[in-house]
């Protein structure tokens, strides 16, 4: 139980750090948020929990493919925010990401990469 609490606390600390840095500097907050810290933490947790190397490698492999269709959201969000407000922009970006992901999954399936 202590291990799970430690994982939660460290992972939550990363999110808090990013949000606090973003309050002070848009650029620094964006830079830190763009670093794959959640993925790195997940890889560390998997390793420390003695998961097989294949499972750890697969996590990194699929993370790469899942990141690509999320990128348009980061362009759409600042463009939509002044027009729609925060909550509608957030919903629109979630929908955009789902659509991009579905299209991307169909595209890469042609190359033998199964994301769904």
PDB file of N, CA and C in Angstrom:
ATOM      1  N   UNK A   1       0.821  -1.197   0.000  1.00  0.00           N
ATOM      2  CA  UNK A   1       0.000   0.000   0.000  1.00  0.00           C
ATOM      3  C   UNK A   1       0.871   1.269   0.000  1.00  0.00           C
ATOM      4  N   UNK A   2       1.974   1.230   0.749  1.00  0.00           N
ATOM      5  CA  UNK A   2       2.868   2.389   0.798  1.00  0.00           C
ATOM      6  C   UNK A   2       3.449   2.683  -0.578  1.00  0.00           C
ATOM      7  N   UNK A   3       3.707   1.626  -1.353  1.00  0.00           N
ATOM      8  CA  UNK A   3       4.250   1.803  -2.701  1.00  0.00           C
ATOM      9  C   UNK A   3       3.257   2.545  -3.588  1.00  0.00           C
ATOM     10  N   UNK A   4       2.000   2.173  -3.530  1.00  0.00           N
ATOM     11  CA  UNK A   4       0.975   2.829  -4.352  1.00  0.00           C
ATOM     12  C   UNK A   4       0.834   4.292  -3.945  1.00  0.00           C
ATOM     13  N   UNK A   5       0.834   4.565  -2.655  1.00  0.00           N
ATOM     14  CA  UNK A   5       0.737   5.948  -2.174  1.00  0.00           C
ATOM     15  C   UNK A   5       1.944   6.756  -2.656  1.00  0.00           C
ATOM     16  N   UNK A   6       3.125   6.166  -2.603  1.00  0.00           N
ATOM     17  CA  UNK A   6       4.333   6.839  -3.092  1.00  0.00           C
ATOM     18  C   UNK A   6       4.204   7.160  -4.578  1.00  0.00           C
ATOM     19  N   UNK A   7       3.729   6.191  -5.353  1.00  0.00           N
ATOM     20  CA  UNK A   7       3.548   6.412  -6.792  1.00  0.00           C
ATOM     21  C   UNK A   7       2.569   7.558  -7.036  1.00  0.00           C
ATOM     22  N   UNK A   8       1.452   7.549  -6.338  1.00  0.00           N
ATOM     23  CA  UNK A   8       0.470   8.625  -6.499  1.00  0.00           C
ATOM     24  C   UNK A   8       1.056   9.985  -6.136  1.00  0.00           C
ATOM     25  N   UNK A   9       1.758  10.048  -5.026  1.00  0.00           N
ATOM     26  CA  UNK A   9       2.311  11.324  -4.571  1.00  0.00           C
ATOM     27  C   UNK A   9       3.354  11.874  -5.539  1.00  0.00           C
ATOM     28  N   UNK A  10       4.250  11.026  -6.010  1.00  0.00           N
ATOM     29  CA  UNK A  10       5.276  11.487  -6.950  1.00  0.00           C
ATOM     30  C   UNK A  10       4.660  11.896  -8.293  1.00  0.00           C
ATOM     31  N   UNK A  11       3.721  11.111  -8.770  1.00  0.00           N
ATOM     32  CA  UNK A  11       3.079  11.428 -10.038  1.00  0.00           C
ATOM     33  C   UNK A  11       2.259  12.714  -9.920  1.00  0.00           C
ATOM     34  N   UNK A  12       1.541  12.869  -8.829  1.00  0.00           N
ATOM     35  CA  UNK A  12       0.774  14.097  -8.609  1.00  0.00           C
ATOM     36  C   UNK A  12       1.693  15.299  -8.481  1.00  0.00           C
ATOM     37  N   UNK A  13       2.834  15.118  -7.870  1.00  0.00           N
ATOM     38  CA  UNK A  13       3.796  16.218  -7.723  1.00  0.00           C
ATOM     39  C   UNK A  13       4.243  16.744  -9.081  1.00  0.00           C
ATOM     40  N   UNK A  14       4.381  15.863 -10.054  1.00  0.00           N
ATOM     41  CA  UNK A  14       4.763  16.293 -11.404  1.00  0.00           C
ATOM     42  C   UNK A  14       3.688  17.205 -11.987  1.00  0.00           C
ATOM     43  N   UNK A  15       2.433  16.821 -11.850  1.00  0.00           N
ATOM     44  CA  UNK A  15       1.324  17.626 -12.382  1.00  0.00           C
ATOM     45  C   UNK A  15       1.270  18.982 -11.675  1.00  0.00           C
ATOM     46  N   UNK A  16       1.412  18.987 -10.371  1.00  0.00           N
ATOM     47  CA  UNK A  16       1.393  20.240  -9.613  1.00  0.00           C
ATOM     48  C   UNK A  16       2.571  21.118 -10.022  1.00  0.00           C
ATOM     49  N   UNK A  17       3.742  20.530 -10.186  1.00  0.00           N
ATOM     50  CA  UNK A  17       4.921  21.283 -10.602  1.00  0.00           C
ATOM     51  C   UNK A  17       4.672  21.978 -11.942  1.00  0.00           C
ATOM     52  N   UNK A  18       4.135  21.248 -12.899  1.00  0.00           N
ATOM     53  CA  UNK A  18       3.874  21.825 -14.217  1.00  0.00           C
ATOM     54  C   UNK A  18       2.871  22.970 -14.112  1.00  0.00           C
ATOM     55  N   UNK A  19       1.786  22.770 -13.378  1.00  0.00           N
ATOM     56  CA  UNK A  19       0.778  23.831 -13.288  1.00  0.00           C
ATOM     57  C   UNK A  19       1.317  25.062 -12.555  1.00  0.00           C
ATOM     58  N   UNK A  20       2.134  24.856 -11.543  1.00  0.00           N
ATOM     59  CA  UNK A  20       2.719  25.992 -10.820  1.00  0.00           C
ATOM     60  C   UNK A  20       3.735  26.732 -11.694  1.00  0.00           C
ATOM     61  N   UNK A  21       4.535  26.000 -12.439  1.00  0.00           N
ATOM     62  CA  UNK A  21       5.488  26.643 -13.347  1.00  0.00           C
ATOM     63  C   UNK A  21       4.766  27.402 -14.459  1.00  0.00           C
ATOM     64  N   UNK A  22       3.671  26.823 -14.955  1.00  0.00           N
ATOM     65  CA  UNK A  22       2.906  27.474 -16.024  1.00  0.00           C
ATOM     66  C   UNK A  22       2.296  28.791 -15.553  1.00  0.00           C
ATOM     67  N   UNK A  23       1.975  28.904 -14.267  1.00  0.00           N
ATOM     68  CA  UNK A  23       1.460  30.171 -13.725  1.00  0.00           C
ATOM     69  C   UNK A  23       2.505  31.274 -13.828  1.00  0.00           C
ATOM     70  N   UNK A  24       3.757  30.901 -13.669  1.00  0.00           N
ATOM     71  CA  UNK A  24       4.837  31.872 -13.650  1.00  0.00           C
ATOM     72  C   UNK A  24       5.424  32.143 -15.030  1.00  0.00           C
ATOM     73  N   UNK A  25       5.444  31.117 -15.872  1.00  0.00           N
ATOM     74  CA  UNK A  25       6.031  31.268 -17.197  1.00  0.00           C
ATOM     75  C   UNK A  25       5.337  30.325 -18.170  1.00  0.00           C
ATOM     76  N   UNK A  26       4.671  30.895 -19.175  1.00  0.00           N
ATOM     77  CA  UNK A  26       4.014  30.072 -20.187  1.00  0.00           C
ATOM     78  C   UNK A  26       5.011  29.156 -20.877  1.00  0.00           C
ATOM     79  N   UNK A  27       6.154  29.710 -21.220  1.00  0.00           N
ATOM     80  CA  UNK A  27       7.162  28.938 -21.954  1.00  0.00           C
ATOM     81  C   UNK A  27       7.741  27.811 -21.109  1.00  0.00           C
ATOM     82  N   UNK A  28       8.118  28.125 -19.887  1.00  0.00           N
ATOM     83  CA  UNK A  28       8.699  27.101 -19.017  1.00  0.00           C
ATOM     84  C   UNK A  28       7.661  26.026 -18.690  1.00  0.00           C
ATOM     85  N   UNK A  29       6.437  26.439 -18.395  1.00  0.00           N
ATOM     86  CA  UNK A  29       5.372  25.473 -18.131  1.00  0.00           C
ATOM     87  C   UNK A  29       5.128  24.570 -19.324  1.00  0.00           C
ATOM     88  N   UNK A  30       5.113  25.159 -20.528  1.00  0.00           N
ATOM     89  CA  UNK A  30       4.937  24.373 -21.740  1.00  0.00           C
ATOM     90  C   UNK A  30       6.090  23.418 -21.982  1.00  0.00           C
ATOM     91  N   UNK A  31       7.297  23.893 -21.746  1.00  0.00           N
ATOM     92  CA  UNK A  31       8.476  23.044 -21.935  1.00  0.00           C
ATOM     93  C   UNK A  31       8.433  21.844 -21.002  1.00  0.00           C
ATOM     94  N   UNK A  32       8.175  22.094 -19.738  1.00  0.00           N
ATOM     95  CA  UNK A  32       8.136  21.006 -18.768  1.00  0.00           C
ATOM     96  C   UNK A  32       6.974  20.055 -19.082  1.00  0.00           C
ATOM     97  N   UNK A  33       5.820  20.605 -19.473  1.00  0.00           N
ATOM     98  CA  UNK A  33       4.674  19.758 -19.812  1.00  0.00           C
ATOM     99  C   UNK A  33       4.951  18.908 -21.044  1.00  0.00           C
ATOM    100  N   UNK A  34       5.762  19.431 -21.966  1.00  0.00           N
ATOM    101  CA  UNK A  34       6.063  18.692 -23.194  1.00  0.00           C
ATOM    102  C   UNK A  34       7.028  17.538 -22.956  1.00  0.00           C
ATOM    103  N   UNK A  35       7.762  17.594 -21.875  1.00  0.00           N
ATOM    104  CA  UNK A  35       8.664  16.484 -21.572  1.00  0.00           C
ATOM    105  C   UNK A  35       7.817  15.256 -21.242  1.00  0.00           C
ATOM    106  N   UNK A  36       8.250  14.117 -21.655  1.00  0.00           N
ATOM    107  CA  UNK A  36       7.432  12.912 -21.417  1.00  0.00           C
ATOM    108  C   UNK A  36       7.569  12.375 -19.998  1.00  0.00           C
ATOM    109  N   UNK A  37       7.309  13.251 -19.013  1.00  0.00           N
ATOM    110  CA  UNK A  37       7.515  12.863 -17.625  1.00  0.00           C
ATOM    111  C   UNK A  37       6.573  11.754 -17.174  1.00  0.00           C
ATOM    112  N   UNK A  38       5.324  11.814 -17.604  1.00  0.00           N
ATOM    113  CA  UNK A  38       4.383  10.774 -17.202  1.00  0.00           C
ATOM    114  C   UNK A  38       4.844   9.431 -17.768  1.00  0.00           C
ATOM    115  N   UNK A  39       5.280   9.435 -19.012  1.00  0.00           N
ATOM    116  CA  UNK A  39       5.772   8.196 -19.617  1.00  0.00           C
ATOM    117  C   UNK A  39       7.024   7.707 -18.907  1.00  0.00           C
ATOM    118  N   UNK A  40       7.929   8.606 -18.616  1.00  0.00           N
ATOM    119  CA  UNK A  40       9.151   8.214 -17.914  1.00  0.00           C
ATOM    120  C   UNK A  40       8.807   7.629 -16.544  1.00  0.00           C
ATOM    121  N   UNK A  41       7.893   8.271 -15.827  1.00  0.00           N
ATOM    122  CA  UNK A  41       7.477   7.730 -14.530  1.00  0.00           C
ATOM    123  C   UNK A  41       6.835   6.354 -14.692  1.00  0.00           C
ATOM    124  N   UNK A  42       5.973   6.207 -15.702  1.00  0.00           N
ATOM    125  CA  UNK A  42       5.333   4.906 -15.925  1.00  0.00           C
ATOM    126  C   UNK A  42       6.375   3.839 -16.235  1.00  0.00           C
ATOM    127  N   UNK A  43       7.372   4.180 -17.044  1.00  0.00           N
ATOM    128  CA  UNK A  43       8.438   3.218 -17.351  1.00  0.00           C
ATOM    129  C   UNK A  43       9.210   2.835 -16.086  1.00  0.00           C
ATOM    130  N   UNK A  44       9.486   3.831 -15.261  1.00  0.00           N
ATOM    131  CA  UNK A  44      10.176   3.555 -13.991  1.00  0.00           C
ATOM    132  C   UNK A  44       9.334   2.644 -13.107  1.00  0.00           C
ATOM    133  N   UNK A  45       8.032   2.973 -12.971  1.00  0.00           N
ATOM    134  CA  UNK A  45       7.158   2.146 -12.128  1.00  0.00           C
ATOM    135  C   UNK A  45       7.102   0.712 -12.657  1.00  0.00           C
ATOM    136  N   UNK A  46       6.966   0.553 -13.976  1.00  0.00           N
ATOM    137  CA  UNK A  46       6.933  -0.792 -14.558  1.00  0.00           C
ATOM    138  C   UNK A  46       8.229  -1.546 -14.258  1.00  0.00           C
ATOM    139  N   UNK A  47       9.355  -0.866 -14.417  1.00  0.00           N
ATOM    140  CA  UNK A  47      10.657  -1.500 -14.159  1.00  0.00           C
ATOM    141  C   UNK A  47      10.786  -1.900 -12.694  1.00  0.00           C
ATOM    142  N   UNK A  48      10.457  -0.972 -11.790  1.00  0.00           N
ATOM    143  CA  UNK A  48      10.592  -1.250 -10.355  1.00  0.00           C
ATOM    144  C   UNK A  48       9.631  -2.337  -9.890  1.00  0.00           C
ATOM    145  N   UNK A  49       8.556  -2.541 -10.648  1.00  0.00           N
ATOM    146  CA  UNK A  49       7.590  -3.591 -10.311  1.00  0.00           C
ATOM    147  C   UNK A  49       7.906  -4.891 -11.057  1.00  0.00           C
ATOM    148  N   UNK A  50       9.130  -4.973 -11.587  1.00  0.00           N
ATOM    149  CA  UNK A  50       9.646  -6.184 -12.225  1.00  0.00           C
ATOM    150  C   UNK A  50       8.796  -6.680 -13.393  1.00  0.00           C
ATOM    151  N   UNK A  51       8.290  -5.750 -14.190  1.00  0.00           N
ATOM    152  CA  UNK A  51       7.568  -6.134 -15.393  1.00  0.00           C
ATOM    153  C   UNK A  51       8.565  -6.594 -16.450  1.00  0.00           C
ATOM    154  N   UNK A  52       8.151  -7.487 -17.327  1.00  0.00           N
ATOM    155  CA  UNK A  52       9.074  -7.957 -18.367  1.00  0.00           C
ATOM    156  C   UNK A  52       9.526  -6.811 -19.277  1.00  0.00           C
ATOM    157  N   UNK A  53      10.736  -6.928 -19.802  1.00  0.00           N
ATOM    158  CA  UNK A  53      11.260  -5.895 -20.697  1.00  0.00           C
ATOM    159  C   UNK A  53      10.348  -5.681 -21.899  1.00  0.00           C
ATOM    160  N   UNK A  54       9.737  -6.753 -22.395  1.00  0.00           N
ATOM    161  CA  UNK A  54       8.838  -6.622 -23.550  1.00  0.00           C
ATOM    162  C   UNK A  54       7.650  -5.724 -23.205  1.00  0.00           C
ATOM    163  N   UNK A  55       7.118  -5.838 -22.011  1.00  0.00           N
ATOM    164  CA  UNK A  55       5.991  -5.002 -21.596  1.00  0.00           C
ATOM    165  C   UNK A  55       6.415  -3.533 -21.493  1.00  0.00           C
ATOM    166  N   UNK A  56       7.581  -3.282 -20.942  1.00  0.00           N
ATOM    167  CA  UNK A  56       8.096  -1.917 -20.816  1.00  0.00           C
ATOM    168  C   UNK A  56       8.348  -1.325 -22.205  1.00  0.00           C
ATOM    169  N   UNK A  57       8.964  -2.108 -23.078  1.00  0.00           N
ATOM    170  CA  UNK A  57       9.230  -1.639 -24.443  1.00  0.00           C
ATOM    171  C   UNK A  57       7.930  -1.375 -25.190  1.00  0.00           C
ATOM    172  N   UNK A  58       6.942  -2.245 -25.028  1.00  0.00           N
ATOM    173  CA  UNK A  58       5.645  -2.034 -25.683  1.00  0.00           C
ATOM    174  C   UNK A  58       4.978  -0.752 -25.198  1.00  0.00           C
ATOM    175  N   UNK A  59       5.129  -0.462 -23.920  1.00  0.00           N
ATOM    176  CA  UNK A  59       4.542   0.775 -23.394  1.00  0.00           C
ATOM    177  C   UNK A  59       5.135   1.991 -24.114  1.00  0.00           C
ATOM    178  N   UNK A  60       6.444   2.016 -24.252  1.00  0.00           N
ATOM    179  CA  UNK A  60       7.096   3.134 -24.948  1.00  0.00           C
ATOM    180  C   UNK A  60       6.675   3.175 -26.414  1.00  0.00           C
ATOM    181  N   UNK A  61       6.608   2.015 -27.061  1.00  0.00           N
ATOM    182  CA  UNK A  61       6.218   1.925 -28.478  1.00  0.00           C
ATOM    183  C   UNK A  61       4.816   2.501 -28.699  1.00  0.00           C
ATOM    184  N   UNK A  62       3.849   2.044 -27.912  1.00  0.00           N
ATOM    185  CA  UNK A  62       2.482   2.518 -28.100  1.00  0.00           C
ATOM    186  C   UNK A  62       2.323   3.975 -27.682  1.00  0.00           C
ATOM    187  N   UNK A  63       3.071   4.415 -26.680  1.00  0.00           N
ATOM    188  CA  UNK A  63       3.001   5.822 -26.296  1.00  0.00           C
ATOM    189  C   UNK A  63       3.382   6.708 -27.473  1.00  0.00           C
ATOM    190  N   UNK A  64       4.432   6.329 -28.189  1.00  0.00           N
ATOM    191  CA  UNK A  64       4.830   7.100 -29.375  1.00  0.00           C
ATOM    192  C   UNK A  64       3.663   7.232 -30.342  1.00  0.00           C
ATOM    193  N   UNK A  65       3.039   6.135 -30.677  1.00  0.00           N
ATOM    194  CA  UNK A  65       1.949   6.163 -31.664  1.00  0.00           C
ATOM    195  C   UNK A  65       0.715   6.888 -31.142  1.00  0.00           C
ATOM    196  N   UNK A  66       0.461   6.854 -29.843  1.00  0.00           N
ATOM    197  CA  UNK A  66      -0.704   7.536 -29.286  1.00  0.00           C
ATOM    198  C   UNK A  66      -0.491   9.042 -29.148  1.00  0.00           C
ATOM    199  N   UNK A  67       0.746   9.487 -29.076  1.00  0.00           N
ATOM    200  CA  UNK A  67       1.021  10.922 -28.952  1.00  0.00           C
ATOM    201  C   UNK A  67       0.710  11.654 -30.263  1.00  0.00           C
ATOM    202  N   UNK A  68       1.048  11.050 -31.373  1.00  0.00           N
ATOM    203  CA  UNK A  68       0.919  11.731 -32.666  1.00  0.00           C
ATOM    204  C   UNK A  68      -0.482  12.303 -32.906  1.00  0.00           C
ATOM    205  N   UNK A  69      -1.573  11.538 -32.732  1.00  0.00           N
ATOM    206  CA  UNK A  69      -2.891  12.120 -33.010  1.00  0.00           C
ATOM    207  C   UNK A  69      -3.363  13.137 -31.968  1.00  0.00           C
ATOM    208  N   UNK A  70      -2.625  13.299 -30.875  1.00  0.00           N
ATOM    209  CA  UNK A  70      -3.010  14.331 -29.901  1.00  0.00           C
ATOM    210  C   UNK A  70      -2.442  15.700 -30.260  1.00  0.00           C
ATOM    211  N   UNK A  71      -1.462  15.745 -31.142  1.00  0.00           N
ATOM    212  CA  UNK A  71      -0.780  17.006 -31.443  1.00  0.00           C
ATOM    213  C   UNK A  71      -1.691  18.092 -32.014  1.00  0.00           C
ATOM    214  N   UNK A  72      -2.652  17.771 -32.896  1.00  0.00           N
ATOM    215  CA  UNK A  72      -3.527  18.854 -33.394  1.00  0.00           C
ATOM    216  C   UNK A  72      -4.287  19.595 -32.291  1.00  0.00           C
ATOM    217  N   UNK A  73      -4.566  18.921 -31.187  1.00  0.00           N
ATOM    218  CA  UNK A  73      -5.258  19.584 -30.090  1.00  0.00           C
ATOM    219  C   UNK A  73      -4.480  20.788 -29.572  1.00  0.00           C
ATOM    220  N   UNK A  74      -3.158  20.666 -29.556  1.00  0.00           N
ATOM    221  CA  UNK A  74      -2.339  21.753 -29.023  1.00  0.00           C
ATOM    222  C   UNK A  74      -2.331  22.972 -29.945  1.00  0.00           C
ATOM    223  N   UNK A  75      -2.657  22.782 -31.203  1.00  0.00           N
ATOM    224  CA  UNK A  75      -2.819  23.913 -32.116  1.00  0.00           C
ATOM    225  C   UNK A  75      -4.242  24.459 -32.069  1.00  0.00           C
ATOM    226  N   UNK A  76      -5.213  23.572 -31.944  1.00  0.00           N
ATOM    227  CA  UNK A  76      -6.617  23.994 -31.931  1.00  0.00           C
ATOM    228  C   UNK A  76      -6.975  24.739 -30.644  1.00  0.00           C
ATOM    229  N   UNK A  77      -6.439  24.291 -29.522  1.00  0.00           N
ATOM    230  CA  UNK A  77      -6.829  24.886 -28.240  1.00  0.00           C
ATOM    231  C   UNK A  77      -6.622  26.405 -28.197  1.00  0.00           C
ATOM    232  N   UNK A  78      -5.420  26.907 -28.504  1.00  0.00           N
ATOM    233  CA  UNK A  78      -5.261  28.369 -28.429  1.00  0.00           C
ATOM    234  C   UNK A  78      -6.081  29.112 -29.479  1.00  0.00           C
ATOM    235  N   UNK A  79      -6.367  28.475 -30.608  1.00  0.00           N
ATOM    236  CA  UNK A  79      -7.177  29.133 -31.636  1.00  0.00           C
ATOM    237  C   UNK A  79      -8.646  29.201 -31.231  1.00  0.00           C
ATOM    238  N   UNK A  80      -9.142  28.176 -30.554  1.00  0.00           N
ATOM    239  CA  UNK A  80     -10.561  28.122 -30.182  1.00  0.00           C
ATOM    240  C   UNK A  80     -10.871  28.832 -28.871  1.00  0.00           C
ATOM    241  N   UNK A  81      -9.908  28.908 -27.985  1.00  0.00           N
ATOM    242  CA  UNK A  81     -10.162  29.454 -26.638  1.00  0.00           C
ATOM    243  C   UNK A  81     -10.802  30.835 -26.644  1.00  0.00           C
ATOM    244  N   UNK A  82     -10.302  31.814 -27.418  1.00  0.00           N
ATOM    245  CA  UNK A  82     -10.949  33.137 -27.380  1.00  0.00           C
ATOM    246  C   UNK A  82     -12.362  33.127 -27.974  1.00  0.00           C
ATOM    247  N   UNK A  83     -12.644  32.179 -28.844  1.00  0.00           N
ATOM    248  CA  UNK A  83     -13.950  32.122 -29.514  1.00  0.00           C
ATOM    249  C   UNK A  83     -14.992  31.348 -28.722  1.00  0.00           C
ATOM    250  N   UNK A  84     -14.577  30.273 -28.067  1.00  0.00           N
ATOM    251  CA  UNK A  84     -15.538  29.367 -27.437  1.00  0.00           C
ATOM    252  C   UNK A  84     -15.513  29.386 -25.916  1.00  0.00           C
ATOM    253  N   UNK A  85     -14.477  29.945 -25.324  1.00  0.00           N
ATOM    254  CA  UNK A  85     -14.324  29.857 -23.877  1.00  0.00           C
ATOM    255  C   UNK A  85     -13.657  28.542 -23.515  1.00  0.00           C
ATOM    256  N   UNK A  86     -13.304  28.428 -22.252  1.00  0.00           N
ATOM    257  CA  UNK A  86     -12.495  27.289 -21.821  1.00  0.00           C
ATOM    258  C   UNK A  86     -13.201  25.948 -21.981  1.00  0.00           C
ATOM    259  N   UNK A  87     -14.396  25.797 -21.406  1.00  0.00           N
ATOM    260  CA  UNK A  87     -15.046  24.480 -21.356  1.00  0.00           C
ATOM    261  C   UNK A  87     -15.431  23.980 -22.740  1.00  0.00           C
ATOM    262  N   UNK A  88     -15.990  24.828 -23.577  1.00  0.00           N
ATOM    263  CA  UNK A  88     -16.337  24.387 -24.933  1.00  0.00           C
ATOM    264  C   UNK A  88     -15.088  24.070 -25.748  1.00  0.00           C
ATOM    265  N   UNK A  89     -14.045  24.855 -25.549  1.00  0.00           N
ATOM    266  CA  UNK A  89     -12.777  24.566 -26.227  1.00  0.00           C
ATOM    267  C   UNK A  89     -12.238  23.218 -25.786  1.00  0.00           C
ATOM    268  N   UNK A  90     -12.298  22.945 -24.499  1.00  0.00           N
ATOM    269  CA  UNK A  90     -11.820  21.669 -23.983  1.00  0.00           C
ATOM    270  C   UNK A  90     -12.610  20.503 -24.586  1.00  0.00           C
ATOM    271  N   UNK A  91     -13.922  20.631 -24.612  1.00  0.00           N
ATOM    272  CA  UNK A  91     -14.768  19.588 -25.203  1.00  0.00           C
ATOM    273  C   UNK A  91     -14.453  19.426 -26.688  1.00  0.00           C
ATOM    274  N   UNK A  92     -14.344  20.542 -27.406  1.00  0.00           N
ATOM    275  CA  UNK A  92     -14.029  20.480 -28.843  1.00  0.00           C
ATOM    276  C   UNK A  92     -12.680  19.802 -29.078  1.00  0.00           C
ATOM    277  N   UNK A  93     -11.718  20.085 -28.233  1.00  0.00           N
ATOM    278  CA  UNK A  93     -10.391  19.482 -28.392  1.00  0.00           C
ATOM    279  C   UNK A  93     -10.402  17.995 -28.060  1.00  0.00           C
ATOM    280  N   UNK A  94     -11.206  17.594 -27.090  1.00  0.00           N
ATOM    281  CA  UNK A  94     -11.345  16.166 -26.796  1.00  0.00           C
ATOM    282  C   UNK A  94     -11.955  15.454 -28.000  1.00  0.00           C
ATOM    283  N   UNK A  95     -13.008  16.045 -28.574  1.00  0.00           N
ATOM    284  CA  UNK A  95     -13.645  15.455 -29.754  1.00  0.00           C
ATOM    285  C   UNK A  95     -12.666  15.414 -30.922  1.00  0.00           C
ATOM    286  N   UNK A  96     -11.941  16.506 -31.131  1.00  0.00           N
ATOM    287  CA  UNK A  96     -10.931  16.545 -32.191  1.00  0.00           C
ATOM    288  C   UNK A  96      -9.893  15.440 -32.001  1.00  0.00           C
ATOM    289  N   UNK A  97      -9.448  15.247 -30.780  1.00  0.00           N
ATOM    290  CA  UNK A  97      -8.445  14.226 -30.503  1.00  0.00           C
ATOM    291  C   UNK A  97      -9.002  12.828 -30.781  1.00  0.00           C
ATOM    292  N   UNK A  98     -10.240  12.587 -30.414  1.00  0.00           N
ATOM    293  CA  UNK A  98     -10.860  11.286 -30.686  1.00  0.00           C
ATOM    294  C   UNK A  98     -10.954  11.040 -32.185  1.00  0.00           C
ATOM    295  N   UNK A  99     -11.384  12.059 -32.926  1.00  0.00           N
ATOM    296  CA  UNK A  99     -11.488  11.934 -34.387  1.00  0.00           C
ATOM    297  C   UNK A  99     -10.104  11.705 -35.004  1.00  0.00           C
ATOM    298  N   UNK A 100      -9.128  12.486 -34.567  1.00  0.00           N
ATOM    299  CA  UNK A 100      -7.762  12.319 -35.082  1.00  0.00           C
ATOM    300  C   UNK A 100      -7.219  10.938 -34.752  1.00  0.00           C
ATOM    301  N   UNK A 101      -7.490  10.479 -33.544  1.00  0.00           N
ATOM    302  CA  UNK A 101      -7.005   9.168 -33.155  1.00  0.00           C
ATOM    303  C   UNK A 101      -7.634   8.069 -34.012  1.00  0.00           C
ATOM    304  N   UNK A 102      -8.948   8.138 -34.219  1.00  0.00           N
ATOM    305  CA  UNK A 102      -9.627   7.119 -35.034  1.00  0.00           C
ATOM    306  C   UNK A 102      -9.071   7.109 -36.455  1.00  0.00           C
ATOM    307  N   UNK A 103      -8.905   8.295 -37.034  1.00  0.00           N
ATOM    308  CA  UNK A 103      -8.340   8.382 -38.378  1.00  0.00           C
ATOM    309  C   UNK A 103      -6.908   7.887 -38.433  1.00  0.00           C
ATOM    310  N   UNK A 104      -6.124   8.253 -37.441  1.00  0.00           N
ATOM    311  CA  UNK A 104      -4.725   7.842 -37.396  1.00  0.00           C
ATOM    312  C   UNK A 104      -4.613   6.328 -37.218  1.00  0.00           C
ATOM    313  N   UNK A 105      -5.457   5.768 -36.350  1.00  0.00           N
ATOM    314  CA  UNK A 105      -5.441   4.316 -36.132  1.00  0.00           C
ATOM    315  C   UNK A 105      -5.780   3.580 -37.428  1.00  0.00           C
ATOM    316  N   UNK A 106      -6.754   4.108 -38.183  1.00  0.00           N
ATOM    317  CA  UNK A 106      -7.103   3.485 -39.469  1.00  0.00           C
ATOM    318  C   UNK A 106      -5.943   3.595 -40.458  1.00  0.00           C
ATOM    319  N   UNK A 107      -5.266   4.731 -40.452  1.00  0.00           N
ATOM    320  CA  UNK A 107      -4.134   4.933 -41.359  1.00  0.00           C
ATOM    321  C   UNK A 107      -2.978   3.983 -41.052  1.00  0.00           C
ATOM    322  N   UNK A 108      -2.563   3.914 -39.792  1.00  0.00           N
ATOM    323  CA  UNK A 108      -1.397   3.087 -39.462  1.00  0.00           C
ATOM    324  C   UNK A 108      -1.719   1.596 -39.507  1.00  0.00           C
ATOM    325  N   UNK A 109      -3.000   1.251 -39.429  1.00  0.00           N
ATOM    326  CA  UNK A 109      -3.378  -0.157 -39.558  1.00  0.00           C
ATOM    327  C   UNK A 109      -2.941  -0.698 -40.918  1.00  0.00           C
ATOM    328  N   UNK A 110      -2.948   0.159 -41.921  1.00  0.00           N
ATOM    329  CA  UNK A 110      -2.499  -0.239 -43.264  1.00  0.00           C
ATOM    330  C   UNK A 110      -1.028  -0.645 -43.279  1.00  0.00           C
ATOM    331  N   UNK A 111      -0.291  -0.192 -42.280  1.00  0.00           N
ATOM    332  CA  UNK A 111       1.131  -0.509 -42.185  1.00  0.00           C
ATOM    333  C   UNK A 111       1.427  -1.565 -41.128  1.00  0.00           C
ATOM    334  N   UNK A 112       0.362  -2.210 -40.650  1.00  0.00           N
ATOM    335  CA  UNK A 112       0.516  -3.297 -39.691  1.00  0.00           C
ATOM    336  C   UNK A 112       0.621  -2.881 -38.248  1.00  0.00           C
ATOM    337  N   UNK A 113       0.276  -1.644 -37.942  1.00  0.00           N
ATOM    338  CA  UNK A 113       0.325  -1.162 -36.560  1.00  0.00           C
ATOM    339  C   UNK A 113      -1.090  -1.102 -36.031  1.00  0.00           C
ATOM    340  N   UNK A 114      -1.401  -1.933 -35.051  1.00  0.00           N
ATOM    341  CA  UNK A 114      -2.750  -2.006 -34.474  1.00  0.00           C
ATOM    342  C   UNK A 114      -2.802  -1.175 -33.195  1.00  0.00           C
ATOM    343  N   UNK A 115      -3.542  -0.080 -33.233  1.00  0.00           N
ATOM    344  CA  UNK A 115      -3.665   0.785 -32.058  1.00  0.00           C
ATOM    345  C   UNK A 115      -4.965   0.542 -31.301  1.00  0.00           C
ATOM    346  N   UNK A 116      -5.944   0.002 -31.955  1.00  0.00           N
ATOM    347  CA  UNK A 116      -7.226  -0.258 -31.280  1.00  0.00           C
ATOM    348  C   UNK A 116      -7.432  -1.730 -31.074  1.00  0.00           C
TER     349      UNK A 116
END
